[in-house]
């Protein structure tokens, strides 16, 4: 019989009924009705072409055919349990590999990972300085990436909560010199928003940057906000392919970082 045709539900019911020699007690274990157990056993007998149980005056008895298969069946279930434990081992390691832009890591991500690790001392991080665009999650053994854009792209994703964009400068009377990043037209161009904030803090001009990235510098007084933050179509997104996105350890980290 092909693996794809194995009657796994029926075999699980057979194992329980054989251990208890009772459809009623097997039903209690499996949280189904005795009638459902009987139906599964009859369907399994039809599939295999053998009789598995006999009713006698002393109760339910296994046939020789059923007894012949029980040992390998139970060994098989033990192997299934070992396989599940092996697949879950990555979760128990609590190791997370994260790719993010360097400026986001420095100004926003590191303090939050520190707070996250303080709640769970066993967690470990591998941090890569990269954008999610074009990144091979499998090759980098990556669990999560953070990208700048207007959506998660081809992956699953969740937006990081943000007030939008804010204009920052060293002081309110900073020169009307624009500092640009992400390809924006400006008097001074820098590689990323973090450098734009640092350039503004150095007194080179004014930069429009993500408020969440500038929050620590604003709180420390390195820069001041020139006006209120304004909503933006673009922002930072936590992204991962669906298999990684489903992992319990990734879900927990996303929940902590997104809010």
Protein backbone atom coordinates (compact mmCIF):
# COMPACT_ATOMS: atom_id res chain seq x y z
CA UNK A 1 0.00 0.00 0.00
CA UNK A 2 1.34 3.44 -0.93
CA UNK A 3 2.14 5.83 1.90
CA UNK A 4 -0.38 8.31 0.55
CA UNK A 5 -3.09 5.65 0.95
CA UNK A 6 -2.26 4.63 4.51
CA UNK A 7 -5.44 4.78 6.65
CA UNK A 8 -3.71 6.61 9.51
CA UNK A 9 -6.90 7.57 11.37
CA UNK A 10 -8.12 3.99 11.32
CA UNK A 11 -4.74 2.69 12.49
CA UNK A 12 -4.76 5.12 15.40
CA UNK A 13 -8.22 3.88 16.38
CA UNK A 14 -7.03 0.28 16.06
CA UNK A 15 -4.14 0.96 18.43
CA UNK A 16 -6.45 2.46 21.08
CA UNK A 17 -9.10 -0.26 20.75
CA UNK A 18 -6.45 -2.99 20.95
CA UNK A 19 -4.95 -1.55 24.12
CA UNK A 20 -8.31 -1.27 25.87
CA UNK A 21 -10.07 -4.22 24.18
CA UNK A 22 -13.09 -1.93 24.38
CA UNK A 23 -14.60 0.41 21.83
CA UNK A 24 -16.11 2.45 24.66
CA UNK A 25 -12.82 3.07 26.47
CA UNK A 26 -11.05 3.70 23.15
CA UNK A 27 -13.73 6.27 22.35
CA UNK A 28 -13.10 8.01 25.69
CA UNK A 29 -9.38 8.19 24.96
CA UNK A 30 -9.92 9.57 21.46
CA UNK A 31 -12.76 11.93 22.46
CA UNK A 32 -15.21 10.37 19.97
CA UNK A 33 -18.28 8.15 20.29
CA UNK A 34 -18.12 4.33 20.50
CA UNK A 35 -20.11 4.25 17.26
CA UNK A 36 -17.40 6.31 15.56
CA UNK A 37 -14.75 3.85 16.78
CA UNK A 38 -16.79 0.96 15.39
CA UNK A 39 -17.16 2.73 12.04
CA UNK A 40 -13.41 3.38 11.82
CA UNK A 41 -12.61 -0.25 12.62
CA UNK A 42 -15.10 -1.55 10.02
CA UNK A 43 -13.68 0.83 7.42
CA UNK A 44 -10.15 -0.30 8.26
CA UNK A 45 -11.17 -3.96 7.98
CA UNK A 46 -12.69 -3.24 4.56
CA UNK A 47 -9.52 -1.45 3.43
CA UNK A 48 -7.17 -4.18 4.66
CA UNK A 49 -9.41 -7.08 3.76
CA UNK A 50 -9.03 -8.72 7.18
CA UNK A 51 -11.05 -9.09 10.39
CA UNK A 52 -9.38 -7.30 13.30
CA UNK A 53 -11.70 -8.02 16.27
CA UNK A 54 -14.03 -10.79 17.37
CA UNK A 55 -16.76 -10.50 19.98
CA UNK A 56 -16.83 -13.43 22.40
CA UNK A 57 -18.62 -14.19 25.64
CA UNK A 58 -15.58 -12.77 27.44
CA UNK A 59 -15.65 -9.51 25.44
CA UNK A 60 -13.59 -8.13 22.58
CA UNK A 61 -10.64 -10.17 21.25
CA UNK A 62 -7.99 -9.42 18.68
CA UNK A 63 -7.70 -11.73 15.69
CA UNK A 64 -4.28 -13.24 14.84
CA UNK A 65 -4.08 -10.84 11.87
CA UNK A 66 -4.51 -7.83 14.17
CA UNK A 67 -1.98 -9.17 16.68
CA UNK A 68 0.56 -9.72 13.90
CA UNK A 69 0.43 -6.06 12.95
CA UNK A 70 0.26 -4.38 16.35
CA UNK A 71 3.99 -4.48 17.11
CA UNK A 72 5.13 -2.78 13.90
CA UNK A 73 2.17 -0.37 14.14
CA UNK A 74 3.17 0.80 17.62
CA UNK A 75 6.81 1.05 16.56
CA UNK A 76 5.62 3.23 13.71
CA UNK A 77 3.73 5.56 16.05
CA UNK A 78 6.88 5.87 18.20
CA UNK A 79 8.81 6.88 15.08
CA UNK A 80 6.10 9.47 14.31
CA UNK A 81 6.53 10.91 17.81
CA UNK A 82 10.30 11.05 17.35
CA UNK A 83 9.82 12.81 14.01
CA UNK A 84 7.55 15.42 15.59
CA UNK A 85 10.05 16.04 18.40
CA UNK A 86 12.86 16.42 15.84
CA UNK A 87 10.82 18.92 13.82
CA UNK A 88 10.04 20.90 16.97
CA UNK A 89 13.67 20.94 18.11
CA UNK A 90 14.28 24.21 16.25
CA UNK A 91 11.57 25.83 18.33
CA UNK A 92 13.03 24.66 21.62
CA UNK A 93 16.43 26.08 20.63
CA UNK A 94 14.94 29.60 20.80
CA UNK A 95 17.47 30.79 18.22
CA UNK A 96 16.22 33.48 15.84
CA UNK A 97 18.01 34.78 12.75
CA UNK A 98 16.85 38.26 11.76
CA UNK A 99 17.78 40.43 8.78
CA UNK A 100 17.20 44.17 8.98
CA UNK A 101 18.62 47.44 7.62
CA UNK A 102 21.66 48.47 9.64
CA UNK A 103 20.21 51.80 10.75
CA UNK A 104 16.97 50.19 11.92
CA UNK A 105 18.93 47.60 13.87
CA UNK A 106 21.03 50.23 15.62
CA UNK A 107 18.35 52.81 16.40
CA UNK A 108 15.26 50.67 16.95
CA UNK A 109 15.71 46.90 16.90
CA UNK A 110 18.56 46.32 19.37
CA UNK A 111 16.84 47.90 22.39
CA UNK A 112 13.70 45.86 21.71
CA UNK A 113 15.62 42.62 21.33
CA UNK A 114 17.36 43.40 24.60
CA UNK A 115 14.01 43.82 26.35
CA UNK A 116 12.71 40.63 24.70
CA UNK A 117 15.77 38.65 25.82
CA UNK A 118 15.42 39.99 29.36
CA UNK A 119 12.04 38.23 29.57
CA UNK A 120 13.52 34.97 28.25
CA UNK A 121 17.25 34.50 28.98
CA UNK A 122 17.41 31.38 26.77
CA UNK A 123 16.62 33.25 23.54
CA UNK A 124 19.49 33.78 21.09
CA UNK A 125 19.73 36.09 18.07
CA UNK A 126 21.72 36.10 14.85
CA UNK A 127 21.50 39.54 13.23
CA UNK A 128 22.18 40.15 9.54
CA UNK A 129 22.61 43.61 8.03
CA UNK A 130 20.40 43.24 4.97
CA UNK A 131 17.08 44.19 3.47
CA UNK A 132 14.39 41.57 2.84
CA UNK A 133 14.39 42.44 -0.88
CA UNK A 134 15.97 39.57 -2.79
CA UNK A 135 17.12 37.84 0.38
CA UNK A 136 17.11 34.05 0.24
CA UNK A 137 15.45 32.98 3.49
CA UNK A 138 16.48 29.35 3.04
CA UNK A 139 20.11 30.04 2.16
CA UNK A 140 20.54 32.44 5.09
CA UNK A 141 18.59 30.15 7.45
CA UNK A 142 16.52 33.23 8.15
CA UNK A 143 13.51 33.35 10.46
CA UNK A 144 12.41 36.97 10.04
CA UNK A 145 13.32 40.07 8.06
CA UNK A 146 12.40 43.73 8.38
CA UNK A 147 11.95 45.76 5.20
CA UNK A 148 11.04 49.31 4.29
CA UNK A 149 8.17 49.64 1.85
CA UNK A 150 4.43 49.87 1.35
CA UNK A 151 3.67 46.23 2.12
CA UNK A 152 5.13 42.80 2.83
CA UNK A 153 5.78 42.02 -0.82
CA UNK A 154 5.76 38.33 -1.70
CA UNK A 155 5.92 37.20 1.93
CA UNK A 156 3.62 37.12 4.92
CA UNK A 157 3.99 40.25 7.00
CA UNK A 158 2.82 42.70 9.61
CA UNK A 159 3.46 46.44 9.74
CA UNK A 160 5.41 47.87 12.66
CA UNK A 161 3.30 50.40 14.52
CA UNK A 162 4.49 53.92 13.69
CA UNK A 163 3.37 57.56 13.72
CA UNK A 164 4.74 58.05 10.21
CA UNK A 165 7.40 60.53 9.10
CA UNK A 166 8.85 63.44 11.04
CA UNK A 167 11.22 66.28 10.12
CA UNK A 168 14.20 66.49 12.47
CA UNK A 169 17.09 68.90 12.90
CA UNK A 170 19.64 69.85 15.56
CA UNK A 171 17.57 72.90 16.48
CA UNK A 172 14.51 74.80 15.39
CA UNK A 173 16.66 77.36 13.54
CA UNK A 174 18.59 74.74 11.57
CA UNK A 175 19.53 75.76 8.03
CA UNK A 176 17.00 75.04 5.30
CA UNK A 177 19.23 72.37 3.83
CA UNK A 178 17.54 69.06 3.06
CA UNK A 179 19.15 65.73 3.91
CA UNK A 180 17.80 62.90 1.77
CA UNK A 181 17.92 59.11 1.88
CA UNK A 182 16.24 56.23 0.01
CA UNK A 183 16.87 57.99 -3.30
CA UNK A 184 15.10 61.22 -2.29
CA UNK A 185 16.19 64.42 -4.05
CA UNK A 186 18.01 66.64 -1.53
CA UNK A 187 20.94 68.99 -1.00
CA UNK A 188 22.78 66.26 0.93
CA UNK A 189 22.27 62.57 0.21
CA UNK A 190 23.08 59.77 2.63
CA UNK A 191 22.77 55.98 2.54
CA UNK A 192 19.93 55.48 5.01
CA UNK A 193 17.56 57.16 7.46
CA UNK A 194 19.92 56.56 10.39
CA UNK A 195 22.67 58.55 8.70
CA UNK A 196 20.12 61.23 7.85
CA UNK A 197 19.27 61.57 11.56
CA UNK A 198 22.98 61.71 12.46
CA UNK A 199 23.63 64.32 9.77
CA UNK A 200 20.76 66.41 11.12
CA UNK A 201 22.12 66.02 14.67
CA UNK A 202 25.50 67.28 13.39
CA UNK A 203 23.82 70.47 12.18
CA UNK A 204 24.03 69.75 8.44
CA UNK A 205 20.36 70.43 7.82
CA UNK A 206 16.89 68.91 8.10
CA UNK A 207 15.85 65.32 7.43
CA UNK A 208 12.46 63.69 6.98
CA UNK A 209 12.74 60.27 8.58
CA UNK A 210 10.55 57.55 10.14
CA UNK A 211 9.42 58.78 13.53
CA UNK A 212 10.06 55.37 15.10
CA UNK A 213 13.70 55.56 13.99
CA UNK A 214 14.18 59.07 15.38
CA UNK A 215 12.34 58.47 18.68
CA UNK A 216 15.44 57.69 20.77
CA UNK A 217 17.39 60.67 19.38
CA UNK A 218 14.40 62.94 19.97
CA UNK A 219 14.09 61.70 23.55
CA UNK A 220 17.83 62.22 24.13
CA UNK A 221 17.71 65.75 22.72
CA UNK A 222 20.15 65.06 19.87
CA UNK A 223 17.54 66.36 17.45
CA UNK A 224 14.24 68.20 17.68
CA UNK A 225 11.07 67.62 15.69
CA UNK A 226 10.06 70.44 13.34
CA UNK A 227 6.31 69.94 13.45
CA UNK A 228 4.19 66.86 14.07
CA UNK A 229 4.72 63.44 12.54
CA UNK A 230 2.60 62.82 9.45
CA UNK A 231 1.19 59.48 8.23
CA UNK A 232 3.11 57.73 5.48
CA UNK A 233 2.17 55.15 2.87
CA UNK A 234 5.52 53.47 3.49
CA UNK A 235 6.86 51.98 6.68
CA UNK A 236 8.74 49.07 8.18
CA UNK A 237 7.32 45.58 7.78
CA UNK A 238 8.13 42.35 9.58
CA UNK A 239 8.16 39.70 6.85
CA UNK A 240 8.83 36.00 6.34
CA UNK A 241 7.72 33.18 4.02
CA UNK A 242 4.69 31.29 5.27
CA UNK A 243 6.60 28.30 6.79
CA UNK A 244 8.74 30.60 8.95
CA UNK A 245 5.79 32.89 9.68
CA UNK A 246 3.90 29.95 11.20
CA UNK A 247 6.66 29.11 13.69
CA UNK A 248 5.71 29.72 17.31
CA UNK A 249 9.00 31.49 18.08
CA UNK A 250 8.56 33.83 15.10
CA UNK A 251 4.94 34.57 16.02
CA UNK A 252 6.01 35.52 19.54
CA UNK A 253 8.75 37.84 18.26
CA UNK A 254 6.45 39.47 15.71
CA UNK A 255 3.87 40.14 18.39
CA UNK A 256 6.53 41.77 20.58
CA UNK A 257 8.02 43.92 17.81
CA UNK A 258 4.90 44.97 15.93
CA UNK A 259 3.21 46.78 18.81
